[in-house]
């Protein structure tokens, strides 16, 4: 495969993985290749990253795809080709250099290999070459005739890097007190090196699978979408932790936009007294008019949130965002429901730990009677118990997938609540193509309250700008 083919395929793979790469940026990357040494793989990586990557959160996906399209060469006893040489159609690159010192990975016993891994985890050079050699020895699993599978877990199971922690700490902290700052720093550094080794193993496994099955095929499954494009309904606990860091920057951007809107808004109503008083100097002719200062509207916010298991991740993130924006509103009240409703504002007081608040909410809030989502019952209960929470200054925000288990939707109740509010919006985390399928009554609810598809951070940010 020529360099041009690799460049075009790499840029296309980045776009397919959700990274925003324009045509002009692709051309900039191609021009950057003219002024670097192409034999220096890390220089090549840096040239592509500087021209194509816009956000730090996009870098892991970029590095994964770069390693697939521009794999490191593998030569000598740490090689992955026949007889330890390079794989077919691969030439050794100068960056690999001579193989690092240590036992021969093809014949050494596991205790010797673990000794070598311990040296690498303490900072010795050659981790990537060692990882490639371990994948060659332990990662290969027979498949159909003429084919083989590659796995990371078999390498990590054979070497068990996590079990080396006690031994490494004993070597690093010789003569020092245990349990103090020195141990904490050493443990952190060793953990980082263990993650580096695991990442190197995973990268080499992906490279070998790509060589056997095709780069395009493995690229489609090797990279998760960028954080801002991950569906709320499919996020993991780790994703939620990262999404929490997205809340406050998004809130600050909205706050700045609100400030500009207030500053550049329409003039206030005519100030009749000042206008008449100024007209006395021109014989009663109002040559100049004066307006009252415009008072920016600072609305109240009421959130009605489906907290059932099917949309729990979505509710978690939007509640985080709402409370990050609470300074933009005169008052914020939040209500959660499954088949009955309860006010949950008390769980999200300023300064409260979000994870603890969500745990307490699930344990203490009265949102479940029979355990099956019932929008109609929840809306009627909300109107009965908390109807006075909505007034002419209130923005009503409903969060949920509009799936009510074939129960009566209580459209009249929702319509009455919507008329009482200044604004009403509904955010639905399901794709629009799934609305009105099964027990969904999205179109019926959307005819009463404007409903927006809101599956990820990008769509949520777009809605917030419209809300502002």
Protein backbone atom coordinates (compact mmCIF):
# COMPACT_ATOMS: atom_id res chain seq x y z
CA UNK A 1 0.00 0.00 0.00
CA UNK A 2 1.46 3.37 -1.04
CA UNK A 3 1.82 6.31 1.34
CA UNK A 4 -0.93 8.17 -0.54
CA UNK A 5 -3.32 5.25 -0.12
CA UNK A 6 -2.52 5.08 3.58
CA UNK A 7 -3.04 8.82 3.97
CA UNK A 8 -6.43 8.76 2.23
CA UNK A 9 -7.55 5.66 4.15
CA UNK A 10 -6.39 7.11 7.48
CA UNK A 11 -8.25 10.40 7.00
CA UNK A 12 -11.38 8.53 5.91
CA UNK A 13 -11.14 6.26 8.99
CA UNK A 14 -10.87 9.31 11.27
CA UNK A 15 -14.05 10.76 9.78
CA UNK A 16 -15.84 7.41 10.07
CA UNK A 17 -14.88 7.27 13.76
CA UNK A 18 -16.54 10.65 14.37
CA UNK A 19 -13.48 12.90 14.44
CA UNK A 20 -14.14 16.16 12.56
CA UNK A 21 -11.55 16.31 9.77
CA UNK A 22 -12.18 18.74 6.92
CA UNK A 23 -10.84 18.50 3.38
CA UNK A 24 -8.54 21.46 4.03
CA UNK A 25 -7.12 19.81 7.15
CA UNK A 26 -6.45 16.63 5.19
CA UNK A 27 -4.49 18.69 2.67
CA UNK A 28 -2.60 20.44 5.47
CA UNK A 29 -1.57 17.03 6.81
CA UNK A 30 -0.36 15.97 3.36
CA UNK A 31 1.74 19.15 3.08
CA UNK A 32 3.21 18.52 6.54
CA UNK A 33 4.52 15.15 5.33
CA UNK A 34 6.75 16.99 2.84
CA UNK A 35 8.83 18.62 5.59
CA UNK A 36 9.38 15.72 8.01
CA UNK A 37 11.50 12.60 7.99
CA UNK A 38 9.03 9.85 7.11
CA UNK A 39 11.29 7.23 8.65
CA UNK A 40 10.65 8.82 12.06
CA UNK A 41 7.30 7.32 13.02
CA UNK A 42 6.71 9.61 16.00
CA UNK A 43 7.39 12.65 13.83
CA UNK A 44 4.80 11.32 11.41
CA UNK A 45 2.33 10.87 14.29
CA UNK A 46 3.01 14.41 15.54
CA UNK A 47 2.52 15.89 12.06
CA UNK A 48 -0.87 14.22 11.66
CA UNK A 49 -1.96 15.06 15.21
CA UNK A 50 -1.07 18.73 14.91
CA UNK A 51 -3.09 19.12 11.72
CA UNK A 52 -6.06 16.82 12.34
CA UNK A 53 -6.80 16.63 16.10
CA UNK A 54 -8.79 19.49 17.63
CA UNK A 55 -9.65 18.22 21.12
CA UNK A 56 -7.66 16.25 23.67
CA UNK A 57 -10.59 13.84 24.02
CA UNK A 58 -10.13 12.87 20.34
CA UNK A 59 -6.47 11.89 20.81
CA UNK A 60 -6.97 8.27 22.03
CA UNK A 61 -9.08 7.42 18.97
CA UNK A 62 -6.57 9.14 16.71
CA UNK A 63 -3.66 7.17 18.19
CA UNK A 64 -5.52 3.87 17.82
CA UNK A 65 -6.20 4.50 14.13
CA UNK A 66 -2.70 5.82 13.52
CA UNK A 67 -1.22 2.60 14.92
CA UNK A 68 -3.44 0.61 12.54
CA UNK A 69 -2.64 2.60 9.40
CA UNK A 70 1.02 3.26 10.22
CA UNK A 71 2.10 0.25 12.31
CA UNK A 72 5.50 0.02 13.97
CA UNK A 73 7.93 -2.31 12.24
CA UNK A 74 8.80 -5.57 13.99
CA UNK A 75 12.21 -7.12 13.42
CA UNK A 76 14.77 -9.44 14.97
CA UNK A 77 13.98 -11.75 17.89
CA UNK A 78 11.11 -9.46 18.87
CA UNK A 79 9.66 -9.68 15.37
CA UNK A 80 6.32 -11.10 14.36
CA UNK A 81 7.16 -12.43 10.93
CA UNK A 82 8.54 -15.81 9.91
CA UNK A 83 11.74 -16.81 11.70
CA UNK A 84 11.63 -13.64 13.76
CA UNK A 85 11.98 -11.40 10.71
CA UNK A 86 9.63 -8.70 9.50
CA UNK A 87 6.15 -9.57 8.35
CA UNK A 88 5.57 -9.66 4.61
CA UNK A 89 5.44 -6.24 2.92
CA UNK A 90 7.06 -4.63 6.00
CA UNK A 91 10.47 -3.06 6.08
CA UNK A 92 12.27 -2.36 9.36
CA UNK A 93 12.33 1.27 10.37
CA UNK A 94 15.34 2.90 12.07
CA UNK A 95 13.24 3.72 15.12
CA UNK A 96 13.20 0.06 16.16
CA UNK A 97 16.97 -0.15 16.61
CA UNK A 98 18.61 -3.25 18.05
CA UNK A 99 16.53 -5.56 20.23
CA UNK A 100 16.66 -4.65 23.92
CA UNK A 101 18.70 -6.64 26.39
CA UNK A 102 16.99 -9.47 28.21
CA UNK A 103 15.96 -13.10 27.81
CA UNK A 104 15.01 -14.47 24.43
CA UNK A 105 11.21 -14.14 24.43
CA UNK A 106 10.80 -17.25 22.29
CA UNK A 107 12.51 -19.63 24.72
CA UNK A 108 12.67 -17.95 28.14
CA UNK A 109 10.66 -19.30 31.05
CA UNK A 110 7.80 -17.21 32.39
CA UNK A 111 9.66 -16.23 35.62
CA UNK A 112 12.47 -14.77 33.47
CA UNK A 113 9.95 -12.87 31.37
CA UNK A 114 8.27 -11.52 34.50
CA UNK A 115 11.68 -10.36 35.75
CA UNK A 116 12.19 -8.51 32.48
CA UNK A 117 8.69 -7.00 32.71
CA UNK A 118 9.48 -5.81 36.23
CA UNK A 119 12.53 -3.97 34.89
CA UNK A 120 10.41 -2.32 32.22
CA UNK A 121 7.77 -1.26 34.74
CA UNK A 122 10.53 0.43 36.74
CA UNK A 123 11.51 2.51 33.73
CA UNK A 124 13.84 0.43 31.55
CA UNK A 125 13.72 0.96 27.77
CA UNK A 126 12.15 -1.47 25.32
CA UNK A 127 8.56 -1.85 26.53
CA UNK A 128 6.97 -1.70 23.06
CA UNK A 129 9.34 -4.30 21.60
CA UNK A 130 8.77 -6.55 24.61
CA UNK A 131 5.00 -6.20 24.27
CA UNK A 132 5.18 -7.20 20.59
CA UNK A 133 7.25 -10.24 21.49
CA UNK A 134 4.80 -11.31 24.20
CA UNK A 135 1.89 -11.01 21.79
CA UNK A 136 3.79 -13.17 19.31
CA UNK A 137 4.39 -15.85 21.95
CA UNK A 138 1.21 -15.79 24.07
CA UNK A 139 -1.39 -13.91 22.07
CA UNK A 140 -1.76 -16.35 19.19
CA UNK A 141 -4.73 -18.74 19.32
CA UNK A 142 -5.47 -21.26 16.55
CA UNK A 143 -8.64 -20.72 14.56
CA UNK A 144 -9.76 -22.23 11.26
CA UNK A 145 -7.09 -23.89 9.08
CA UNK A 146 -4.71 -21.29 7.72
CA UNK A 147 -5.94 -18.60 10.11
CA UNK A 148 -5.26 -17.58 13.69
CA UNK A 149 -6.77 -15.28 16.27
CA UNK A 150 -4.95 -12.83 18.49
CA UNK A 151 -5.93 -11.89 22.05
CA UNK A 152 -4.65 -9.49 24.72
CA UNK A 153 -6.04 -11.36 27.71
CA UNK A 154 -3.84 -14.43 27.17
CA UNK A 155 -0.71 -12.23 27.24
CA UNK A 156 -1.77 -10.42 30.41
CA UNK A 157 -2.84 -13.67 32.03
CA UNK A 158 0.55 -15.26 31.36
CA UNK A 159 2.58 -12.32 32.73
CA UNK A 160 0.12 -10.91 35.34
CA UNK A 161 1.71 -7.45 35.58
CA UNK A 162 -0.65 -6.37 38.38
CA UNK A 163 0.78 -9.06 40.69
CA UNK A 164 4.24 -7.47 40.46
CA UNK A 165 3.16 -4.39 42.44
CA UNK A 166 4.29 -5.56 45.90
CA UNK A 167 7.66 -6.68 44.60
CA UNK A 168 8.25 -3.42 42.72
CA UNK A 169 7.25 -1.28 45.68
CA UNK A 170 9.68 -3.21 47.89
CA UNK A 171 12.50 -2.47 45.42
CA UNK A 172 11.63 1.21 45.02
CA UNK A 173 11.03 1.93 48.71
CA UNK A 174 14.08 0.16 50.12
CA UNK A 175 14.81 1.78 53.48
CA UNK A 176 11.84 4.18 53.24
CA UNK A 177 8.70 4.28 55.33
CA UNK A 178 5.70 2.51 53.82
CA UNK A 179 2.34 4.20 53.52
CA UNK A 180 3.67 7.70 52.99
CA UNK A 181 3.95 10.06 50.03
CA UNK A 182 6.87 8.12 48.54
CA UNK A 183 4.79 4.96 48.29
CA UNK A 184 1.86 6.85 46.80
CA UNK A 185 4.07 8.37 44.10
CA UNK A 186 5.77 5.04 43.36
CA UNK A 187 2.45 3.20 43.16
CA UNK A 188 1.09 5.80 40.76
CA UNK A 189 4.15 5.60 38.51
CA UNK A 190 4.06 1.77 38.43
CA UNK A 191 0.33 1.79 37.65
CA UNK A 192 0.95 4.18 34.77
CA UNK A 193 3.62 1.88 33.37
CA UNK A 194 1.32 -1.13 33.73
CA UNK A 195 -1.31 0.75 31.71
CA UNK A 196 1.37 1.57 29.11
CA UNK A 197 2.25 -2.11 28.80
CA UNK A 198 -1.41 -3.13 28.48
CA UNK A 199 -1.96 -0.45 25.84
CA UNK A 200 1.12 -1.62 23.92
CA UNK A 201 -0.18 -5.21 23.97
CA UNK A 202 -3.63 -4.11 22.79
CA UNK A 203 -2.14 -1.99 20.01
CA UNK A 204 -0.06 -4.88 18.70
CA UNK A 205 -3.03 -7.25 18.84
CA UNK A 206 -5.08 -4.79 16.79
CA UNK A 207 -2.24 -4.46 14.29
CA UNK A 208 -1.98 -8.22 13.80
CA UNK A 209 -5.75 -8.61 13.42
CA UNK A 210 -5.71 -5.78 10.87
CA UNK A 211 -2.98 -7.54 8.90
CA UNK A 212 -5.05 -10.72 8.83
CA UNK A 213 -8.53 -9.25 8.33
CA UNK A 214 -7.94 -5.84 6.73
CA UNK A 215 -7.38 -2.44 8.30
CA UNK A 216 -10.81 -1.06 7.39
CA UNK A 217 -12.61 -3.92 9.09
CA UNK A 218 -10.81 -3.65 12.44
CA UNK A 219 -10.85 0.16 12.35
CA UNK A 220 -14.66 0.18 12.42
CA UNK A 221 -14.71 -1.66 15.76
CA UNK A 222 -11.45 -0.52 17.33
CA UNK A 223 -12.45 3.08 18.10
CA UNK A 224 -15.43 4.23 20.11
CA UNK A 225 -17.10 7.45 19.01
CA UNK A 226 -15.77 10.66 20.61
CA UNK A 227 -17.22 11.39 24.02
CA UNK A 228 -19.55 14.09 22.75
CA UNK A 229 -21.09 11.66 20.23
CA UNK A 230 -21.67 8.67 22.55
CA UNK A 231 -25.36 7.97 23.05
CA UNK A 232 -26.51 8.71 26.58
CA UNK A 233 -28.34 5.40 26.66
CA UNK A 234 -25.10 3.50 25.95
CA UNK A 235 -22.61 5.22 28.23
CA UNK A 236 -20.60 3.28 30.77
CA UNK A 237 -19.70 4.33 34.30
CA UNK A 238 -16.31 5.48 33.02
CA UNK A 239 -18.03 7.55 30.33
CA UNK A 240 -20.24 9.19 32.95
CA UNK A 241 -17.17 10.19 34.93
CA UNK A 242 -15.74 11.83 31.81
CA UNK A 243 -19.08 13.39 30.91
CA UNK A 244 -19.18 15.08 34.30
CA UNK A 245 -16.12 17.04 33.22
CA UNK A 246 -18.02 18.22 30.14
CA UNK A 247 -20.80 19.80 32.18
CA UNK A 248 -19.18 22.92 33.54
CA UNK A 249 -17.45 24.07 30.30
CA UNK A 250 -20.79 23.66 28.53
CA UNK A 251 -22.51 25.64 31.29
CA UNK A 252 -19.93 28.42 31.03
CA UNK A 253 -20.42 28.68 27.28
CA UNK A 254 -24.16 28.95 27.77
CA UNK A 255 -23.66 31.58 30.50
CA UNK A 256 -21.51 33.67 28.15
CA UNK A 257 -24.11 33.36 25.40
CA UNK A 258 -26.90 34.43 27.75
CA UNK A 259 -24.87 37.48 28.80
CA UNK A 260 -24.39 38.53 25.18
CA UNK A 261 -28.08 38.03 24.45
CA UNK A 262 -29.06 40.22 27.39
CA UNK A 263 -26.54 42.91 26.43
CA UNK A 264 -27.54 42.96 22.77
CA UNK A 265 -31.25 42.42 23.29
CA UNK A 266 -34.06 44.68 22.11
CA UNK A 267 -34.53 48.02 23.79
CA UNK A 268 -37.03 48.32 26.61
CA UNK A 269 -40.40 50.05 26.43
CA UNK A 270 -40.73 53.77 25.70
CA UNK A 271 -39.96 56.00 28.70
CA UNK A 272 -42.78 58.53 28.17
CA UNK A 273 -41.78 60.96 30.93
CA UNK A 274 -38.16 61.34 29.79
CA UNK A 275 -39.25 61.72 26.18
CA UNK A 276 -41.78 64.50 26.99
CA UNK A 277 -39.32 66.26 29.29
CA UNK A 278 -36.66 66.30 26.57
CA UNK A 279 -39.17 67.62 24.00
CA UNK A 280 -39.71 70.86 26.01
CA UNK A 281 -36.41 72.22 24.72
CA UNK A 282 -37.67 71.85 21.11
CA UNK A 283 -41.10 73.38 21.60
CA UNK A 284 -42.79 70.12 22.51
CA UNK A 285 -41.56 68.27 19.42
CA UNK A 286 -40.10 64.88 20.49
CA UNK A 287 -36.93 64.94 18.43
CA UNK A 288 -35.39 62.25 20.61
CA UNK A 289 -37.06 59.27 22.26
CA UNK A 290 -35.92 57.48 25.40
CA UNK A 291 -36.52 53.90 26.43
CA UNK A 292 -36.62 52.23 29.80
CA UNK A 293 -33.63 49.92 30.56
CA UNK A 294 -34.39 46.39 29.49
CA UNK A 295 -34.63 44.02 32.42
CA UNK A 296 -33.28 40.61 31.41
CA UNK A 297 -35.65 37.78 32.16
CA UNK A 298 -34.18 35.26 34.56
CA UNK A 299 -36.60 32.35 34.43
CA UNK A 300 -37.39 29.60 36.85
CA UNK A 301 -36.67 26.03 35.79
CA UNK A 302 -38.71 22.92 36.56
CA UNK A 303 -37.38 19.53 35.45
CA UNK A 304 -39.58 16.45 35.20
CA UNK A 305 -37.22 13.51 34.70
CA UNK A 306 -37.85 9.84 33.91
CA UNK A 307 -35.51 7.99 36.28
CA UNK A 308 -36.35 4.45 35.20
CA UNK A 309 -33.51 2.10 34.34
CA UNK A 310 -33.99 2.52 30.59
CA UNK A 311 -32.93 6.20 30.66
CA UNK A 312 -30.93 6.39 33.91
CA UNK A 313 -27.67 7.48 32.24
CA UNK A 314 -29.43 10.21 30.28
CA UNK A 315 -31.18 11.50 33.40
CA UNK A 316 -27.88 11.46 35.30
CA UNK A 317 -26.09 13.66 32.79
CA UNK A 318 -28.90 16.16 32.20
CA UNK A 319 -29.40 16.65 35.93
CA UNK A 320 -25.69 17.36 36.24
CA UNK A 321 -25.95 19.98 33.51
CA UNK A 322 -29.06 21.53 34.99
CA UNK A 323 -27.46 22.04 38.37
CA UNK A 324 -24.34 23.45 36.77
CA UNK A 325 -26.68 26.03 35.18
CA UNK A 326 -28.62 26.82 38.33
CA UNK A 327 -27.05 30.29 38.63
CA UNK A 328 -28.75 31.18 35.34
CA UNK A 329 -32.19 30.68 36.85
CA UNK A 330 -34.00 32.37 39.68
CA UNK A 331 -35.09 28.99 40.95
CA UNK A 332 -34.49 25.34 40.03
CA UNK A 333 -36.76 22.47 41.07
CA UNK A 334 -36.34 18.89 39.87
CA UNK A 335 -38.82 16.00 40.01
CA UNK A 336 -38.18 12.35 39.25
CA UNK A 337 -40.68 9.68 38.34
CA UNK A 338 -41.17 6.09 37.28
CA UNK A 339 -44.85 5.49 37.89
CA UNK A 340 -45.25 8.17 40.57
CA UNK A 341 -43.39 11.40 41.16
CA UNK A 342 -41.30 12.94 43.92
CA UNK A 343 -39.30 16.16 44.24
CA UNK A 344 -35.58 15.39 44.13
CA UNK A 345 -34.21 18.94 44.42
CA UNK A 346 -33.04 18.20 47.97
CA UNK A 347 -30.53 15.66 46.74
CA UNK A 348 -28.66 18.16 44.56
CA UNK A 349 -27.90 21.05 46.89
CA UNK A 350 -24.80 23.10 45.96
CA UNK A 351 -21.61 21.30 46.95
CA UNK A 352 -23.20 17.85 47.12
CA UNK A 353 -21.24 14.94 45.68
CA UNK A 354 -23.03 13.94 42.50
CA UNK A 355 -22.47 10.19 42.79
CA UNK A 356 -23.63 10.18 46.40
CA UNK A 357 -26.65 12.30 45.47
CA UNK A 358 -27.69 9.86 42.74
CA UNK A 359 -27.27 6.94 45.14
CA UNK A 360 -29.41 8.64 47.78
CA UNK A 361 -32.00 9.56 45.13
CA UNK A 362 -32.47 5.94 44.11
CA UNK A 363 -32.61 4.75 47.70
CA UNK A 364 -34.75 7.48 49.34
CA UNK A 365 -36.94 9.15 46.70
CA UNK A 366 -40.56 8.04 46.33
CA UNK A 367 -40.70 7.52 42.57
CA UNK A 368 -41.76 3.88 42.23
CA UNK A 369 -45.01 2.17 43.16
CA UNK A 370 -45.24 -0.88 40.89
CA UNK A 371 -41.95 -0.55 39.01
CA UNK A 372 -43.30 0.00 35.49
CA UNK A 373 -42.93 3.41 33.83
CA UNK A 374 -46.27 5.22 33.61
CA UNK A 375 -46.05 8.72 32.17
CA UNK A 376 -49.77 9.38 32.47
CA UNK A 377 -49.89 8.46 36.17
CA UNK A 378 -46.73 10.49 36.84
CA UNK A 379 -48.06 13.60 35.04
CA UNK A 380 -51.37 13.48 36.89
CA UNK A 381 -49.62 12.97 40.21
CA UNK A 382 -47.27 15.87 39.45
CA UNK A 383 -50.18 18.19 38.59
CA UNK A 384 -51.97 17.18 41.76
CA UNK A 385 -49.06 17.54 44.19
CA UNK A 386 -46.74 20.08 42.55
CA UNK A 387 -48.87 21.98 40.04
CA UNK A 388 -48.08 25.29 41.77
CA UNK A 389 -44.39 24.83 40.86
CA UNK A 390 -45.21 25.96 37.29
CA UNK A 391 -46.05 29.59 36.61
CA UNK A 392 -45.68 32.30 33.96
CA UNK A 393 -41.91 32.60 34.62
CA UNK A 394 -41.26 28.85 34.54
CA UNK A 395 -39.50 26.85 31.87
CA UNK A 396 -40.65 23.22 32.01
CA UNK A 397 -38.12 20.63 30.85
CA UNK A 398 -39.25 16.99 30.50
CA UNK A 399 -36.60 14.29 30.07
CA UNK A 400 -37.61 10.81 28.97
CA UNK A 401 -38.17 8.35 26.15
CA UNK A 402 -42.02 8.70 26.14
CA UNK A 403 -42.48 4.93 26.59
CA UNK A 404 -45.38 4.42 28.98
CA UNK A 405 -46.00 0.65 28.88
CA UNK A 406 -49.25 1.14 26.94
CA UNK A 407 -50.82 3.18 29.77
CA UNK A 408 -53.05 6.23 29.24
CA UNK A 409 -50.75 9.18 28.32
CA UNK A 410 -52.71 11.96 30.16
CA UNK A 411 -52.33 14.39 27.26
CA UNK A 412 -54.84 16.87 28.70
CA UNK A 413 -52.85 17.11 31.93
CA UNK A 414 -49.63 17.71 30.02
CA UNK A 415 -51.36 20.34 27.87
CA UNK A 416 -52.56 22.19 30.97
CA UNK A 417 -49.09 22.17 32.50
CA UNK A 418 -47.60 23.40 29.23
CA UNK A 419 -50.04 26.32 29.04
CA UNK A 420 -49.18 27.36 32.60
CA UNK A 421 -45.45 27.51 31.84
CA UNK A 422 -43.61 30.23 29.97
CA UNK A 423 -41.86 27.58 27.87
CA UNK A 424 -42.04 23.78 27.75
CA UNK A 425 -39.56 21.39 26.11
CA UNK A 426 -39.17 17.62 25.92
CA UNK A 427 -35.79 15.93 25.40
CA UNK A 428 -35.98 12.36 24.11
CA UNK A 429 -32.76 10.27 24.19
CA UNK A 430 -34.05 7.75 21.64
CA UNK A 431 -33.32 8.09 17.91
CA UNK A 432 -36.23 9.68 16.08
CA UNK A 433 -36.52 6.58 13.94
CA UNK A 434 -37.65 4.66 17.06
CA UNK A 435 -40.34 7.11 18.09
CA UNK A 436 -43.86 5.66 17.99
CA UNK A 437 -42.54 2.09 17.92
CA UNK A 438 -43.78 -0.36 20.52
CA UNK A 439 -45.15 1.47 23.56
CA UNK A 440 -43.74 4.88 22.52
CA UNK A 441 -46.20 7.79 22.31
CA UNK A 442 -43.59 10.34 21.28
CA UNK A 443 -45.61 11.96 18.48
CA UNK A 444 -48.66 12.38 20.73
CA UNK A 445 -46.60 14.04 23.44
CA UNK A 446 -44.65 16.01 20.83
CA UNK A 447 -47.90 17.50 19.58
CA UNK A 448 -48.41 19.05 23.03
CA UNK A 449 -44.81 19.90 24.01
CA UNK A 450 -42.06 20.41 21.39
CA UNK A 451 -39.95 17.25 21.48
CA UNK A 452 -36.26 17.16 20.54
CA UNK A 453 -34.03 14.20 19.84
CA UNK A 454 -31.20 14.45 22.39
CA UNK A 455 -28.92 11.41 22.23
CA UNK A 456 -25.51 12.95 22.96
CA UNK A 457 -23.63 16.04 24.09
CA UNK A 458 -23.64 17.58 20.61
CA UNK A 459 -27.42 17.47 20.36
CA UNK A 460 -27.81 18.63 23.96
CA UNK A 461 -25.57 21.63 23.32
CA UNK A 462 -27.57 22.51 20.21
CA UNK A 463 -30.79 22.37 22.22
CA UNK A 464 -29.34 24.54 25.00
CA UNK A 465 -28.44 27.24 22.49
CA UNK A 466 -32.00 27.20 21.21
CA UNK A 467 -33.29 27.25 24.79
CA UNK A 468 -31.19 30.30 25.54
